[in-house]
Amino acid sequence: MRRADRLFQIVQELRRHKLVTARRLAEALEVSERTIYRDIRDLAASGVPIEGEAGVGYVLQRGFDLPPLMFTEEEIEALVLGARIIESWADPALAKAATNVVAKVEAVLPEGLREQVERTPLAAPADHMTVPLSVDAAAIRAALRNRRKLHFYYCNAEGRASERAVRPLALAFYGPVWLLIAWCELRIDFRAFRLDRMRDMTVLEDRFAEERGKTLHDFVAADRARQRERRSRADA
């Protein structure tokens, strides 16, 4: 790894974590701790606001950022492929946003990296099986951002219909199916709803505040606990 790339990666690690030790940086970058101490010293001397000391750890002061021009080839591939997958699988509004993101990034990249965007040989063809939706996925995303409740009718895998009012928590893609993770006020529990089985959805005026036991964090914790329990039963 070139030294310039290593210095950039050190800053990236400091941005990701509140406190990073030299040992952790050395292990991540596969260099000695002495090299990290020297790099930290040089970064600080060049104006990067790093605080800390050897044996304790280092912190990057809040507010410091790097211009969005420094991408590795793999990062560009990840960006382009991610955008192409969204263009192929998401709703039209999100697909258009993905196209715009790549165009904006491409416009400010140096010429060599701009050519890398155009040459990236990764694709997500549009001629795949899709599950038609009768609900507006963009409206669901807006409800997620604004913490507005949703009302809709739902038909489960057995064909049983029900009326639901939920607190939307997240959208998850399990190609070719999109799932809405929500707190269901009918079942008084977390539920995952397939968007293709939802009908007559309305975004309600009711806003909801985060409540302990009803958040996405709580859902993830409960889901992990269920997975551990299933693995434990399988092992037994």
Protein backbone atom coordinates (compact mmCIF):
# COMPACT_ATOMS: atom_id res chain seq x y z
CA MET A 1 0.00 0.00 0.00
CA ARG A 2 1.33 3.42 -0.94
CA ARG A 3 1.97 5.75 1.97
CA ALA A 4 -0.56 8.28 0.65
CA ASP A 5 -3.20 5.55 0.60
CA ARG A 6 -2.24 4.48 4.12
CA LEU A 7 -2.58 8.03 5.44
CA PHE A 8 -5.99 8.29 3.84
CA GLN A 9 -7.05 4.97 5.41
CA ILE A 10 -5.88 6.18 8.84
CA VAL A 11 -8.14 9.22 8.53
CA GLN A 12 -11.00 6.98 7.39
CA GLU A 13 -10.57 4.74 10.43
CA LEU A 14 -10.53 7.77 12.71
CA ARG A 15 -13.73 9.02 11.09
CA ARG A 16 -15.49 5.70 11.68
CA HIS A 17 -14.65 5.32 15.37
CA LYS A 18 -14.65 7.63 18.38
CA LEU A 19 -11.29 6.38 19.67
CA VAL A 20 -8.76 4.28 17.80
CA THR A 21 -5.54 2.85 19.23
CA ALA A 22 -2.28 2.62 17.31
CA ARG A 23 -2.40 -1.16 17.69
CA ARG A 24 -5.82 -1.34 16.03
CA LEU A 25 -4.64 0.87 13.17
CA ALA A 26 -1.47 -1.19 12.77
CA GLU A 27 -3.46 -4.43 12.58
CA ALA A 28 -5.97 -2.97 10.11
CA LEU A 29 -3.26 -1.60 7.82
CA GLU A 30 -0.76 -4.41 8.37
CA VAL A 31 2.12 -2.18 9.45
CA SER A 32 4.01 -1.67 12.68
CA GLU A 33 2.79 0.54 15.50
CA ARG A 34 5.94 2.62 15.05
CA THR A 35 4.82 3.36 11.47
CA ILE A 36 1.40 4.42 12.76
CA TYR A 37 2.96 6.77 15.31
CA ARG A 38 5.01 8.38 12.57
CA ASP A 39 2.01 8.67 10.24
CA ILE A 40 -0.18 10.20 12.97
CA ARG A 41 2.56 12.72 13.72
CA ASP A 42 2.86 13.67 10.05
CA LEU A 43 -0.91 13.97 9.61
CA ALA A 44 -1.15 16.26 12.63
CA ALA A 45 1.76 18.35 11.32
CA SER A 46 -0.05 18.75 7.97
CA GLY A 47 -3.12 20.19 9.68
CA VAL A 48 -5.35 17.16 10.27
CA PRO A 49 -6.92 17.78 13.73
CA ILE A 50 -5.97 14.56 15.52
CA GLU A 51 -5.90 14.43 19.30
CA GLY A 52 -4.50 11.72 21.56
CA GLU A 53 -1.29 10.03 22.49
CA ALA A 54 0.55 6.74 22.25
CA GLY A 55 -0.85 4.08 24.56
CA VAL A 56 -4.23 5.82 24.89
CA GLY A 57 -5.60 6.24 21.38
CA TYR A 58 -6.42 8.89 18.82
CA VAL A 59 -9.52 10.94 18.04
CA LEU A 60 -10.35 12.99 14.97
CA GLN A 61 -11.95 16.30 15.92
CA ARG A 62 -15.56 16.70 14.84
CA GLY A 63 -16.19 18.74 11.73
CA PHE A 64 -13.12 17.56 9.84
CA ASP A 65 -13.86 15.94 6.52
CA LEU A 66 -12.20 15.03 3.26
CA PRO A 67 -13.40 16.09 -0.18
CA PRO A 68 -15.51 13.38 -1.86
CA LEU A 69 -12.95 12.89 -4.63
CA MET A 70 -10.71 10.20 -3.18
CA PHE A 71 -12.02 6.79 -4.22
CA THR A 72 -10.14 3.57 -4.79
CA GLU A 73 -11.01 1.45 -7.83
CA GLU A 74 -12.95 -1.00 -5.65
CA GLU A 75 -14.87 1.84 -3.98
CA ILE A 76 -15.88 3.14 -7.41
CA GLU A 77 -16.97 -0.37 -8.42
CA ALA A 78 -19.05 -0.65 -5.23
CA LEU A 79 -20.67 2.72 -5.89
CA VAL A 80 -21.47 1.95 -9.54
CA LEU A 81 -22.73 -1.58 -8.90
CA GLY A 82 -24.86 -0.41 -5.97
CA ALA A 83 -26.41 2.30 -8.13
CA ARG A 84 -27.08 -0.14 -10.97
CA ILE A 85 -28.76 -2.60 -8.61
CA ILE A 86 -30.97 0.19 -7.28
CA GLU A 87 -31.78 1.31 -10.83
CA SER A 88 -32.79 -2.25 -11.65
CA TRP A 89 -34.69 -3.25 -8.48
CA ALA A 90 -35.98 -0.15 -6.70
CA ASP A 91 -38.97 2.09 -7.37
CA PRO A 92 -38.63 4.71 -10.15
CA ALA A 93 -37.96 7.62 -7.78
CA LEU A 94 -35.12 5.82 -5.99
CA ALA A 95 -33.75 4.52 -9.30
CA LYS A 96 -33.59 8.06 -10.66
CA ALA A 97 -31.87 9.23 -7.46
CA ALA A 98 -29.23 6.49 -7.87
CA THR A 99 -28.54 7.61 -11.43
CA ASN A 100 -28.20 11.22 -10.25
CA VAL A 101 -25.77 10.24 -7.47
CA VAL A 102 -23.40 8.53 -9.91
CA ALA A 103 -23.64 11.49 -12.30
CA LYS A 104 -22.77 13.96 -9.53
CA VAL A 105 -19.84 11.89 -8.30
CA GLU A 106 -18.61 11.38 -11.84
CA ALA A 107 -18.75 15.12 -12.53
CA VAL A 108 -16.29 15.97 -9.73
CA LEU A 109 -13.88 13.05 -10.08
CA PRO A 110 -10.47 13.50 -11.71
CA GLU A 111 -10.39 12.37 -15.32
CA GLY A 112 -8.70 9.03 -14.64
CA LEU A 113 -11.26 8.04 -12.02
CA ARG A 114 -14.11 9.35 -14.17
CA GLU A 115 -13.07 6.88 -16.86
CA GLN A 116 -13.11 4.14 -14.22
CA VAL A 117 -16.82 4.83 -13.61
CA GLU A 118 -17.55 4.42 -17.31
CA ARG A 119 -15.43 1.26 -17.63
CA THR A 120 -16.73 -0.57 -14.55
CA PRO A 121 -17.75 -4.01 -15.94
CA LEU A 122 -20.42 -4.71 -13.31
CA ALA A 123 -24.09 -4.80 -14.21
CA ALA A 124 -27.54 -5.54 -12.82
CA PRO A 125 -29.71 -6.37 -15.86
CA ALA A 126 -33.27 -5.08 -15.85
CA ASP A 127 -34.75 -8.16 -17.58
CA HIS A 128 -35.31 -10.09 -14.34
CA MET A 129 -38.37 -11.35 -12.54
CA THR A 130 -40.09 -8.56 -10.65
CA VAL A 131 -42.90 -8.71 -8.13
CA PRO A 132 -45.50 -6.06 -9.00
CA LEU A 133 -46.55 -3.66 -6.24
CA SER A 134 -49.86 -1.90 -5.74
CA VAL A 135 -48.44 0.41 -3.05
CA ASP A 136 -46.16 3.41 -3.48
CA ALA A 137 -42.68 2.47 -2.22
CA ALA A 138 -41.58 6.11 -2.38
CA ALA A 139 -44.44 7.04 -0.04
CA ILE A 140 -43.29 4.34 2.39
CA ARG A 141 -39.76 5.74 2.33
CA ALA A 142 -41.13 9.22 3.05
CA ALA A 143 -43.15 7.81 5.95
CA LEU A 144 -39.97 6.22 7.31
CA ARG A 145 -38.12 9.54 7.17
CA ASN A 146 -40.99 11.49 8.73
CA ARG A 147 -42.06 8.83 11.25
CA ARG A 148 -45.63 8.69 10.03
CA LYS A 149 -47.84 5.68 10.61
CA LEU A 150 -49.17 3.59 7.73
CA HIS A 151 -52.58 2.01 7.25
CA PHE A 152 -53.11 -0.81 4.74
CA TYR A 153 -54.77 -4.14 4.05
CA TYR A 154 -52.58 -7.23 4.04
CA CYS A 155 -52.91 -10.75 2.68
CA ASN A 156 -50.55 -13.32 4.20
CA ALA A 157 -49.07 -16.44 2.57
CA GLU A 158 -52.17 -18.48 3.52
CA GLY A 159 -54.47 -15.95 1.86
CA ARG A 160 -55.89 -14.52 5.09
CA ALA A 161 -56.63 -10.81 4.87
CA SER A 162 -56.26 -8.30 7.68
CA GLU A 163 -56.28 -4.56 8.26
CA ARG A 164 -53.12 -3.07 9.74
CA ALA A 165 -51.89 0.18 11.25
CA VAL A 166 -48.13 0.15 11.76
CA ARG A 167 -45.10 2.19 12.69
CA PRO A 168 -42.69 1.76 9.74
CA LEU A 169 -39.12 1.08 10.88
CA ALA A 170 -37.15 -0.07 7.81
CA LEU A 171 -37.33 -1.39 4.27
CA ALA A 172 -35.34 -4.54 3.49
CA PHE A 173 -34.69 -6.09 0.08
CA TYR A 174 -34.73 -9.88 -0.27
CA GLY A 175 -34.67 -10.03 -4.08
CA PRO A 176 -37.07 -10.02 -5.71
CA VAL A 177 -39.16 -9.16 -2.62
CA TRP A 178 -39.19 -5.93 -0.60
CA LEU A 179 -40.11 -6.18 3.09
CA LEU A 180 -41.43 -3.49 5.41
CA ILE A 181 -40.19 -3.96 8.98
CA ALA A 182 -42.70 -2.38 11.34
CA TRP A 183 -44.25 -2.30 14.77
CA CYS A 184 -47.77 -3.64 14.25
CA GLU A 185 -50.43 -2.03 16.45
CA LEU A 186 -52.82 -4.92 15.78
CA ARG A 187 -50.42 -7.66 16.92
CA ILE A 188 -48.61 -5.42 19.41
CA ASP A 189 -45.32 -6.81 18.14
CA PHE A 190 -42.80 -6.52 15.34
CA ARG A 191 -43.84 -7.79 11.94
CA ALA A 192 -42.34 -7.97 8.44
CA PHE A 193 -44.76 -7.28 5.58
CA ARG A 194 -44.12 -8.07 1.92
CA LEU A 195 -44.86 -4.96 -0.11
CA ASP A 196 -46.43 -7.02 -2.89
CA ARG A 197 -49.07 -8.29 -0.42
CA MET A 198 -50.06 -4.83 0.78
CA ARG A 199 -53.12 -3.08 -0.65
CA ASP A 200 -54.82 0.32 -0.33
CA MET A 201 -52.03 1.86 1.72
CA THR A 202 -52.46 5.29 3.28
CA VAL A 203 -49.84 7.43 4.99
CA LEU A 204 -51.53 8.71 8.14
CA GLU A 205 -51.12 12.16 9.64
CA ASP A 206 -50.18 10.53 12.95
CA ARG A 207 -46.49 10.89 13.77
CA PHE A 208 -44.87 8.54 16.24
CA ALA A 209 -41.96 9.02 18.60
CA GLU A 210 -39.43 6.30 19.36
CA GLU A 211 -40.52 4.22 22.34
CA ARG A 212 -38.43 1.70 24.16
CA GLY A 213 -39.22 -1.78 22.90
CA LYS A 214 -40.67 -0.54 19.60
CA THR A 215 -37.60 0.68 17.70
CA LEU A 216 -35.58 -0.80 14.86
CA HIS A 217 -32.77 -1.43 17.34
CA ASP A 218 -35.18 -3.47 19.47
CA PHE A 219 -36.33 -5.41 16.40
CA VAL A 220 -32.74 -6.28 15.45
CA ALA A 221 -31.98 -7.40 19.02
CA ALA A 222 -35.11 -9.56 19.15
CA ASP A 223 -34.40 -11.06 15.73
CA ARG A 224 -30.84 -11.97 16.72
CA ALA A 225 -32.13 -13.57 19.91
CA ARG A 226 -34.57 -15.69 17.85
CA GLN A 227 -31.77 -16.75 15.52
CA ARG A 228 -29.56 -17.77 18.46
CA GLU A 229 -32.43 -19.78 19.91
CA ARG A 230 -33.03 -21.57 16.59
CA ARG A 231 -29.33 -22.41 16.28
CA SER A 232 -29.29 -23.66 19.85
CA ARG A 233 -32.30 -25.95 19.23
CA ALA A 234 -30.70 -27.21 16.01
CA ASP A 235 -27.44 -28.01 17.82
CA ALA A 236 -29.36 -29.80 20.57
